N, C-alpha and C. Protein backbone atom coordinates (compact mmCIF):
# COMPACT_ATOMS: atom_id res chain seq x y z
N MET A 1 0.85 -1.23 0.02
CA MET A 1 0.00 0.12 -0.06
C MET A 1 0.87 1.15 0.12
N ILE A 2 2.12 1.21 0.79
CA ILE A 2 2.67 2.46 0.84
C ILE A 2 3.31 3.25 -0.42
N PRO A 3 3.82 2.16 -1.42
CA PRO A 3 4.12 2.77 -2.57
C PRO A 3 3.21 3.19 -3.50
N GLN A 4 1.67 2.39 -3.18
CA GLN A 4 0.52 3.01 -3.93
C GLN A 4 0.20 4.75 -3.55
N TYR A 5 0.09 4.56 -2.01
CA TYR A 5 -0.13 6.20 -1.48
C TYR A 5 1.24 7.10 -2.05
N ARG A 6 2.38 6.70 -2.14
CA ARG A 6 3.16 7.70 -2.99
C ARG A 6 3.01 7.86 -4.20
N ASP A 7 2.98 6.94 -4.83
CA ASP A 7 2.49 7.10 -6.44
C ASP A 7 1.10 8.01 -6.51
N PHE A 8 0.15 7.44 -5.55
CA PHE A 8 -1.22 8.41 -6.17
C PHE A 8 -1.04 10.18 -5.76
N LEU A 9 -0.20 10.45 -4.39
CA LEU A 9 -0.12 11.37 -3.89
C LEU A 9 1.12 12.44 -4.65
N GLU A 10 1.66 11.53 -5.73
CA GLU A 10 2.59 12.05 -6.42
C GLU A 10 3.83 12.81 -5.82
N ILE A 11 4.57 11.94 -4.62
CA ILE A 11 5.38 12.20 -3.92
C ILE A 11 6.48 11.50 -4.50
N ASP A 12 7.52 12.84 -5.10
CA ASP A 12 8.69 12.27 -5.95
C ASP A 12 9.84 12.62 -5.11
N ALA A 13 11.09 12.83 -6.13
CA ALA A 13 12.27 13.54 -5.70
C ALA A 13 12.02 14.97 -5.46
N GLU A 14 11.47 15.53 -6.57
CA GLU A 14 11.32 16.92 -5.87
C GLU A 14 10.27 17.26 -5.08
N THR A 15 9.38 16.58 -4.58
CA THR A 15 8.45 16.84 -3.43
C THR A 15 9.58 16.66 -2.27
N ILE A 16 10.19 15.83 -2.00
CA ILE A 16 11.10 15.48 -1.05
C ILE A 16 12.14 16.85 -0.81
N SER A 17 12.50 16.86 -2.23
CA SER A 17 13.54 17.97 -2.13
C SER A 17 12.82 19.57 -1.80
N ASP A 18 11.82 19.76 -1.87
CA ASP A 18 10.79 20.78 -1.62
C ASP A 18 10.74 21.04 -0.03
N ALA A 19 10.46 19.86 0.65
CA ALA A 19 10.19 19.65 1.82
C ALA A 19 11.54 19.78 2.63
N ARG A 20 12.81 19.09 2.23
CA ARG A 20 13.83 19.29 2.96
C ARG A 20 14.31 20.74 2.63
N ARG A 21 14.32 21.37 1.62
CA ARG A 21 14.31 22.71 1.69
C ARG A 21 14.03 23.81 2.45
N ILE A 22 12.78 23.42 2.80
CA ILE A 22 12.12 23.98 3.75
C ILE A 22 12.17 23.72 5.58
N TRP A 23 12.80 22.74 5.50
CA TRP A 23 12.80 22.35 6.92
C TRP A 23 13.54 23.00 7.79
N PRO A 24 14.66 23.60 7.41
CA PRO A 24 15.57 24.14 8.00
C PRO A 24 14.81 25.87 8.53
N VAL A 25 14.08 26.15 7.78
CA VAL A 25 13.17 27.39 8.00
C VAL A 25 12.07 27.05 9.18
N LEU A 26 11.08 25.67 8.82
CA LEU A 26 10.46 25.49 9.88
C LEU A 26 10.85 24.72 11.19
N GLU A 27 12.06 24.09 10.99
CA GLU A 27 12.43 23.79 12.55
C GLU A 27 12.75 24.60 13.46
N PRO A 28 13.08 25.62 13.38
CA PRO A 28 13.22 26.53 14.46
C PRO A 28 11.89 27.22 14.98
N GLU A 29 10.82 27.00 14.25
CA GLU A 29 9.72 27.30 14.60
C GLU A 29 8.90 26.22 15.12
N LEU A 30 9.52 25.12 15.08
CA LEU A 30 8.64 23.85 15.54
C LEU A 30 8.04 23.83 17.07
N SER A 31 8.99 24.25 17.92
CA SER A 31 8.40 23.93 19.24
C SER A 31 7.17 25.00 19.57
N SER A 32 7.44 26.44 18.87
CA SER A 32 6.28 27.29 19.28
C SER A 32 4.98 26.92 18.18
N ILE A 33 5.16 26.31 17.15
CA ILE A 33 3.96 25.60 16.60
C ILE A 33 3.09 24.54 17.26
N LEU A 34 4.14 23.62 17.66
CA LEU A 34 3.81 22.74 18.67
C LEU A 34 2.72 23.20 19.81
N GLN A 35 3.58 24.29 20.54
CA GLN A 35 2.79 24.72 21.54
C GLN A 35 1.64 25.40 21.26
N ALA A 36 1.38 26.29 20.03
CA ALA A 36 0.05 26.75 20.08
C ALA A 36 -0.75 25.73 19.46
N PHE A 37 -0.43 24.65 19.20
CA PHE A 37 -1.07 23.30 18.52
C PHE A 37 -2.06 22.96 20.20
N TYR A 38 -1.07 22.70 20.96
CA TYR A 38 -1.33 22.15 22.39
C TYR A 38 -2.42 23.18 23.03
N ASP A 39 -1.99 24.66 22.86
CA ASP A 39 -2.78 25.42 23.52
C ASP A 39 -4.55 25.19 22.76
N ARG A 40 -4.33 24.97 21.64
CA ARG A 40 -5.74 24.56 20.67
C ARG A 40 -6.44 23.28 21.46
N THR A 41 -5.69 22.32 21.33
CA THR A 41 -6.20 21.07 21.99
C THR A 41 -6.72 20.93 23.51
N ASP A 42 -5.95 21.95 24.22
CA ASP A 42 -6.24 22.29 25.57
C ASP A 42 -7.49 22.69 25.88
N ALA A 43 -8.34 23.51 24.75
CA ALA A 43 -9.26 24.22 24.92
C ALA A 43 -10.24 23.66 24.33
N VAL A 44 -10.37 21.94 23.95
CA VAL A 44 -11.21 21.24 23.51
C VAL A 44 -11.43 19.97 24.84
N GLU A 45 -12.54 20.29 25.44
CA GLU A 45 -12.69 19.65 26.94
C GLU A 45 -12.22 18.08 26.55
N HIS A 46 -12.85 17.16 25.51
CA HIS A 46 -12.24 16.07 25.56
C HIS A 46 -10.90 15.74 25.09
N LEU A 47 -10.22 16.83 24.12
CA LEU A 47 -8.84 16.39 23.49
C LEU A 47 -7.82 17.02 24.97
N GLY A 48 -8.25 18.38 25.81
CA GLY A 48 -6.98 18.75 26.93
C GLY A 48 -7.05 17.55 27.77
N ASN A 49 -7.94 16.97 27.98
CA ASN A 49 -7.94 16.08 28.93
C ASN A 49 -6.54 14.81 28.58
N LYS A 50 -6.30 14.77 27.55
CA LYS A 50 -5.66 13.58 26.88
C LYS A 50 -4.20 14.29 26.73
N THR A 51 -4.16 15.54 26.71
CA THR A 51 -2.78 15.98 26.63
C THR A 51 -2.13 16.91 27.90
N ARG A 52 -3.22 17.79 28.65
CA ARG A 52 -2.56 18.41 29.49
C ARG A 52 -1.72 17.65 30.57
N GLY A 53 -0.68 18.64 31.05
CA GLY A 53 0.49 17.89 31.91
C GLY A 53 1.27 17.08 31.13
N ARG A 54 1.20 16.71 29.70
CA ARG A 54 2.07 15.89 28.66
C ARG A 54 2.76 16.66 27.97
N ARG A 55 3.21 17.83 27.66
CA ARG A 55 3.31 18.51 26.72
C ARG A 55 4.33 18.14 26.31
N GLY A 56 5.83 18.22 27.25
CA GLY A 56 7.17 18.39 27.17
C GLY A 56 7.33 16.67 26.19
N PRO A 57 6.96 15.72 26.73
CA PRO A 57 7.20 14.50 25.89
C PRO A 57 6.31 14.54 24.70
N LEU A 58 5.03 15.11 24.50
CA LEU A 58 4.35 15.05 23.47
C LEU A 58 4.77 15.94 22.18
N ILE A 59 5.57 17.03 22.48
CA ILE A 59 6.07 17.69 21.86
C ILE A 59 7.66 17.47 21.02
N SER A 60 8.05 16.75 22.21
CA SER A 60 9.77 16.03 21.91
C SER A 60 9.06 14.89 20.70
N LYS A 61 8.14 13.92 21.06
CA LYS A 61 7.57 13.01 19.86
C LYS A 61 7.07 13.57 18.67
N GLN A 62 6.35 14.59 18.94
CA GLN A 62 5.86 15.03 17.48
C GLN A 62 7.19 15.97 16.75
N SER A 63 7.84 16.48 17.45
CA SER A 63 9.11 16.87 16.70
C SER A 63 9.98 16.08 15.96
N ARG A 64 10.32 14.85 16.53
CA ARG A 64 10.98 13.80 15.62
C ARG A 64 9.97 13.51 14.77
N HIS A 65 9.04 13.26 14.66
CA HIS A 65 8.02 12.54 13.70
C HIS A 65 8.03 13.93 12.56
N TRP A 66 7.64 14.93 12.97
CA TRP A 66 7.72 16.01 11.91
C TRP A 66 9.31 16.19 11.24
N LYS A 67 10.33 15.83 11.91
CA LYS A 67 11.36 16.04 11.38
C LYS A 67 11.78 14.58 10.49
N LEU A 68 11.02 13.68 10.58
CA LEU A 68 11.26 12.52 9.87
C LEU A 68 10.55 12.36 8.51
N LEU A 69 9.18 13.09 8.47
CA LEU A 69 8.31 13.14 7.75
C LEU A 69 8.81 14.45 6.65
N LEU A 70 9.18 15.60 7.02
CA LEU A 70 9.51 16.71 6.48
C LEU A 70 10.92 16.46 5.88
N THR A 71 12.08 15.75 6.39
CA THR A 71 13.28 15.58 5.88
C THR A 71 13.15 14.32 4.50
N GLY A 72 12.16 13.96 4.51
CA GLY A 72 11.85 12.81 3.70
C GLY A 72 12.56 11.20 4.31
N GLN A 73 12.44 11.22 5.12
CA GLN A 73 12.72 9.91 6.01
C GLN A 73 11.49 8.98 6.05
N LEU A 74 11.24 8.54 4.52
CA LEU A 74 10.04 7.56 4.75
C LEU A 74 10.43 6.08 4.69
N ASP A 75 11.09 6.04 5.50
CA ASP A 75 11.72 4.53 5.75
C ASP A 75 11.14 3.81 6.68
N THR A 76 11.79 2.57 6.90
CA THR A 76 10.91 1.59 8.20
C THR A 76 10.62 2.38 9.54
N ASP A 77 12.01 2.89 9.82
CA ASP A 77 11.64 3.46 11.14
C ASP A 77 10.82 4.43 11.22
N TYR A 78 10.37 5.02 10.05
CA TYR A 78 9.13 6.40 10.29
C TYR A 78 7.76 5.52 10.07
N ILE A 79 7.74 4.37 9.02
CA ILE A 79 6.73 3.72 9.30
C ILE A 79 5.87 3.08 10.32
N ASN A 80 7.07 2.48 10.82
CA ASN A 80 6.77 1.67 12.38
C ASN A 80 6.63 2.97 13.49
N SER A 81 7.06 4.19 13.33
CA SER A 81 6.91 5.34 14.17
C SER A 81 5.27 5.59 13.82
N THR A 82 5.23 5.86 12.74
CA THR A 82 4.19 6.34 12.82
C THR A 82 2.43 5.41 12.97
N ILE A 83 3.04 4.03 12.78
CA ILE A 83 2.15 3.24 13.19
C ILE A 83 1.92 3.09 14.68
N ASN A 84 3.07 3.21 15.38
CA ASN A 84 2.84 3.07 16.75
C ASN A 84 2.25 4.20 17.58
N THR A 85 2.35 5.22 16.69
CA THR A 85 1.81 6.52 17.35
C THR A 85 0.18 6.25 17.14
N ALA A 86 0.06 6.16 15.74
CA ALA A 86 -1.61 5.93 15.94
C ALA A 86 -2.28 5.19 16.42
N LEU A 87 -1.49 3.94 16.76
CA LEU A 87 -1.97 2.89 17.76
C LEU A 87 -2.16 3.51 19.10
N LYS A 88 -1.31 4.04 19.79
CA LYS A 88 -1.10 4.98 21.17
C LYS A 88 -2.26 5.74 20.90
N HIS A 89 -2.77 6.56 20.04
CA HIS A 89 -3.85 7.49 19.81
C HIS A 89 -5.02 6.72 20.06
N ARG A 90 -4.95 5.50 19.21
CA ARG A 90 -6.45 4.79 19.30
C ARG A 90 -6.29 4.31 20.96
N GLU A 91 -5.44 3.95 21.76
CA GLU A 91 -5.48 3.33 22.72
C GLU A 91 -6.22 4.59 23.69
N ILE A 92 -5.67 5.56 23.61
CA ILE A 92 -6.15 6.43 24.43
C ILE A 92 -7.51 7.34 23.87
N ASP A 93 -8.17 6.41 23.06
CA ASP A 93 -9.56 6.85 22.62
C ASP A 93 -9.64 8.01 21.85
N LEU A 94 -8.71 8.66 21.50
CA LEU A 94 -8.56 9.96 20.54
C LEU A 94 -9.72 9.56 19.16
N PRO A 95 -10.85 10.15 19.29
CA PRO A 95 -11.62 10.22 17.97
C PRO A 95 -10.88 10.23 16.83
N PHE A 96 -10.96 9.61 15.87
CA PHE A 96 -10.58 9.63 14.48
C PHE A 96 -10.64 10.88 13.72
N ASP A 97 -11.92 11.65 14.04
CA ASP A 97 -12.00 12.57 13.21
C ASP A 97 -11.27 13.74 13.84
N TRP A 98 -10.87 13.70 15.06
CA TRP A 98 -9.89 14.76 15.71
C TRP A 98 -8.39 14.18 15.33
N TYR A 99 -8.26 12.78 15.35
CA TYR A 99 -6.70 12.84 14.71
C TYR A 99 -6.55 13.24 13.38
N ILE A 100 -7.88 13.23 12.24
CA ILE A 100 -7.63 13.71 10.86
C ILE A 100 -7.53 15.31 11.21
N ASN A 101 -8.49 15.97 12.05
CA ASN A 101 -8.31 17.57 12.06
C ASN A 101 -7.07 17.95 12.55
N SER A 102 -6.33 17.23 13.46
CA SER A 102 -4.99 17.54 13.98
C SER A 102 -4.08 17.65 12.95
N TYR A 103 -3.89 16.68 12.05
CA TYR A 103 -3.31 17.00 10.79
C TYR A 103 -3.55 18.36 10.18
N LEU A 104 -4.61 18.58 9.56
CA LEU A 104 -5.00 19.94 8.81
C LEU A 104 -4.68 21.10 9.59
N VAL A 105 -4.74 21.15 11.10
CA VAL A 105 -4.12 22.13 12.13
C VAL A 105 -2.86 22.49 11.91
N ILE A 106 -2.15 21.43 11.93
CA ILE A 106 -0.53 21.42 12.06
C ILE A 106 -0.07 21.87 10.59
N GLY A 107 -0.90 21.33 9.54
CA GLY A 107 -0.29 21.83 8.24
C GLY A 107 -0.81 23.33 8.02
N ASP A 108 -1.31 23.82 8.64
CA ASP A 108 -2.00 25.51 8.43
C ASP A 108 -0.95 26.04 9.11
N MET A 109 -0.71 25.58 10.39
CA MET A 109 0.10 26.40 11.38
C MET A 109 1.60 26.36 10.12
N PHE A 110 1.68 25.17 9.64
CA PHE A 110 3.27 25.52 8.87
C PHE A 110 3.25 26.11 7.54
N ARG A 111 2.17 26.24 7.13
CA ARG A 111 1.86 27.26 5.95
C ARG A 111 1.97 28.52 6.87
N ARG A 112 1.50 28.92 7.55
CA ARG A 112 1.47 30.50 8.27
C ARG A 112 3.02 30.94 8.39
N ALA A 113 3.39 29.87 9.27
CA ALA A 113 5.04 30.09 9.63
C ALA A 113 5.99 30.33 8.23
N LEU A 114 5.70 29.49 7.26
CA LEU A 114 6.46 29.82 6.02
C LEU A 114 5.83 31.19 5.33
N ASP A 115 4.69 31.43 5.39
CA ASP A 115 4.21 32.70 4.59
C ASP A 115 4.47 33.78 5.35
N ASN A 116 5.03 33.68 6.63
CA ASN A 116 5.36 34.96 7.47
C ASN A 116 6.98 35.15 7.36
N HIS A 117 7.42 34.04 7.05
CA HIS A 117 9.03 34.09 7.37
C HIS A 117 9.60 34.97 6.25
N SER A 118 10.39 36.00 6.56
CA SER A 118 10.79 36.91 5.62
C SER A 118 11.87 36.68 4.21
N GLU A 119 12.43 35.20 4.80
CA GLU A 119 13.66 34.80 3.92
C GLU A 119 12.85 33.97 3.02
N VAL A 120 11.65 33.63 2.98
CA VAL A 120 11.35 32.48 1.98
C VAL A 120 10.14 33.16 1.15
N ASP A 121 10.68 32.84 -0.24
CA ASP A 121 10.28 33.70 -1.28
C ASP A 121 8.76 33.23 -1.65
N ARG A 122 7.82 33.33 -2.32
CA ARG A 122 6.67 33.43 -2.75
C ARG A 122 6.80 31.61 -3.73
N GLY A 123 7.45 31.82 -4.37
CA GLY A 123 7.45 30.44 -5.22
C GLY A 123 8.14 29.12 -4.43
N THR A 124 9.07 29.44 -3.45
CA THR A 124 9.72 28.39 -2.50
C THR A 124 8.62 28.36 -1.41
N ALA A 125 7.82 29.24 -0.99
CA ALA A 125 6.69 28.90 -0.24
C ALA A 125 5.60 27.86 -1.00
N LEU A 126 5.31 28.25 -1.80
CA LEU A 126 4.07 27.49 -2.69
C LEU A 126 4.47 25.94 -3.21
N ALA A 127 5.79 25.99 -3.38
CA ALA A 127 6.37 24.51 -3.41
C ALA A 127 6.63 23.56 -2.10
N ALA A 128 6.73 24.65 -1.21
CA ALA A 128 6.97 23.96 0.10
C ALA A 128 5.37 23.40 0.69
N HIS A 129 4.38 24.18 0.28
CA HIS A 129 3.02 24.08 0.68
C HIS A 129 2.54 22.64 0.06
N ALA A 130 2.62 22.70 -1.14
CA ALA A 130 2.63 21.18 -1.94
C ALA A 130 2.93 20.17 -1.17
N ALA A 131 4.41 20.33 -1.18
CA ALA A 131 5.10 18.82 -0.41
C ALA A 131 4.58 18.67 0.79
N ILE A 132 4.45 19.67 1.71
CA ILE A 132 3.96 19.69 2.99
C ILE A 132 2.81 18.77 2.86
N TYR A 133 1.70 19.13 2.15
CA TYR A 133 0.52 18.89 2.12
C TYR A 133 0.65 17.39 1.40
N LYS A 134 1.13 16.81 0.73
CA LYS A 134 1.39 15.80 0.14
C LYS A 134 1.89 14.86 1.32
N LEU A 135 2.94 15.13 2.12
CA LEU A 135 3.44 14.44 2.97
C LEU A 135 2.25 14.33 3.93
N ILE A 136 1.90 15.07 4.50
CA ILE A 136 0.74 15.13 5.39
C ILE A 136 -0.27 13.91 4.95
N ALA A 137 -0.68 14.17 4.09
CA ALA A 137 -1.69 13.23 3.31
C ALA A 137 -0.96 11.61 3.56
N PHE A 138 0.10 11.66 3.02
CA PHE A 138 0.75 10.25 3.08
C PHE A 138 0.57 9.98 4.58
N ASP A 139 0.90 10.72 5.36
CA ASP A 139 0.77 10.34 6.82
C ASP A 139 -0.12 9.83 7.33
N MET A 140 -1.29 10.77 7.20
CA MET A 140 -2.30 10.18 7.64
C MET A 140 -2.98 9.01 6.99
N ALA A 141 -2.65 8.69 5.77
CA ALA A 141 -2.93 7.33 5.18
C ALA A 141 -2.08 6.18 5.82
N VAL A 142 -0.93 6.46 5.97
CA VAL A 142 -0.45 5.29 6.90
C VAL A 142 -0.88 5.34 8.32
N ALA A 143 -1.02 6.29 9.05
CA ALA A 143 -1.39 6.31 10.26
C ALA A 143 -3.15 5.87 10.35
N SER A 144 -3.79 6.15 9.21
CA SER A 144 -5.21 5.20 9.25
C SER A 144 -5.51 3.90 8.95
N VAL A 145 -4.51 3.37 8.36
CA VAL A 145 -4.30 1.84 8.43
C VAL A 145 -4.28 1.38 9.29
N ALA A 146 -3.21 1.92 10.40
CA ALA A 146 -3.16 1.31 11.67
C ALA A 146 -4.65 1.38 12.78
N TYR A 147 -4.78 2.78 12.41
CA TYR A 147 -5.79 3.54 13.48
C TYR A 147 -7.22 2.44 12.98
N ASN A 148 -7.34 2.41 11.95
CA ASN A 148 -8.76 1.54 11.35
C ASN A 148 -8.52 0.07 11.76
N SER A 149 -7.20 -0.68 11.49
CA SER A 149 -7.12 -2.15 11.80
C SER A 149 -7.23 -2.19 13.45
N ALA A 150 -6.99 -1.19 14.31
CA ALA A 150 -7.01 -1.36 15.53
C ALA A 150 -9.04 -1.44 15.75
N LEU A 151 -9.43 -0.45 15.25
CA LEU A 151 -10.95 -0.98 15.30
C LEU A 151 -11.64 -2.08 15.13
N VAL A 152 -10.91 -2.47 13.88
CA VAL A 152 -11.47 -3.80 13.70
C VAL A 152 -11.05 -4.89 14.54
N ASP A 153 -9.87 -4.96 15.12
CA ASP A 153 -9.41 -5.91 16.07
C ASP A 153 -10.21 -5.94 17.04
């Protein structure tokens, strides 16, 4: 399935290159992006109770994950990490719709960080947006397989 996802989403060498090119811009912003993300989850009653008091470890794990994804490290370690993360989210009963929405919120936060960065020209930002959204879709697909299999089991 994974090669089919990559083909369907047209994740190619250029996609990976565009994501890698922008990673040095996003990486220094990642902690504040994830802090803002968890501020949003904390404001939602049934989400905040799953994340409050655990920000440090959650941000550390998310940072590692986003680095793997946005530097194009789509290898066995990445796949196993994504599957394990999805299964952990399922174990804590995070509803799948909120899991999906979280990807979109973080993707939008990445977009805004790039759009607001003075050193990123419009063409680079547009290429990066496309790469990021393709990689997020890929990540969601991999995670959804694990999430849905846990529901069936």
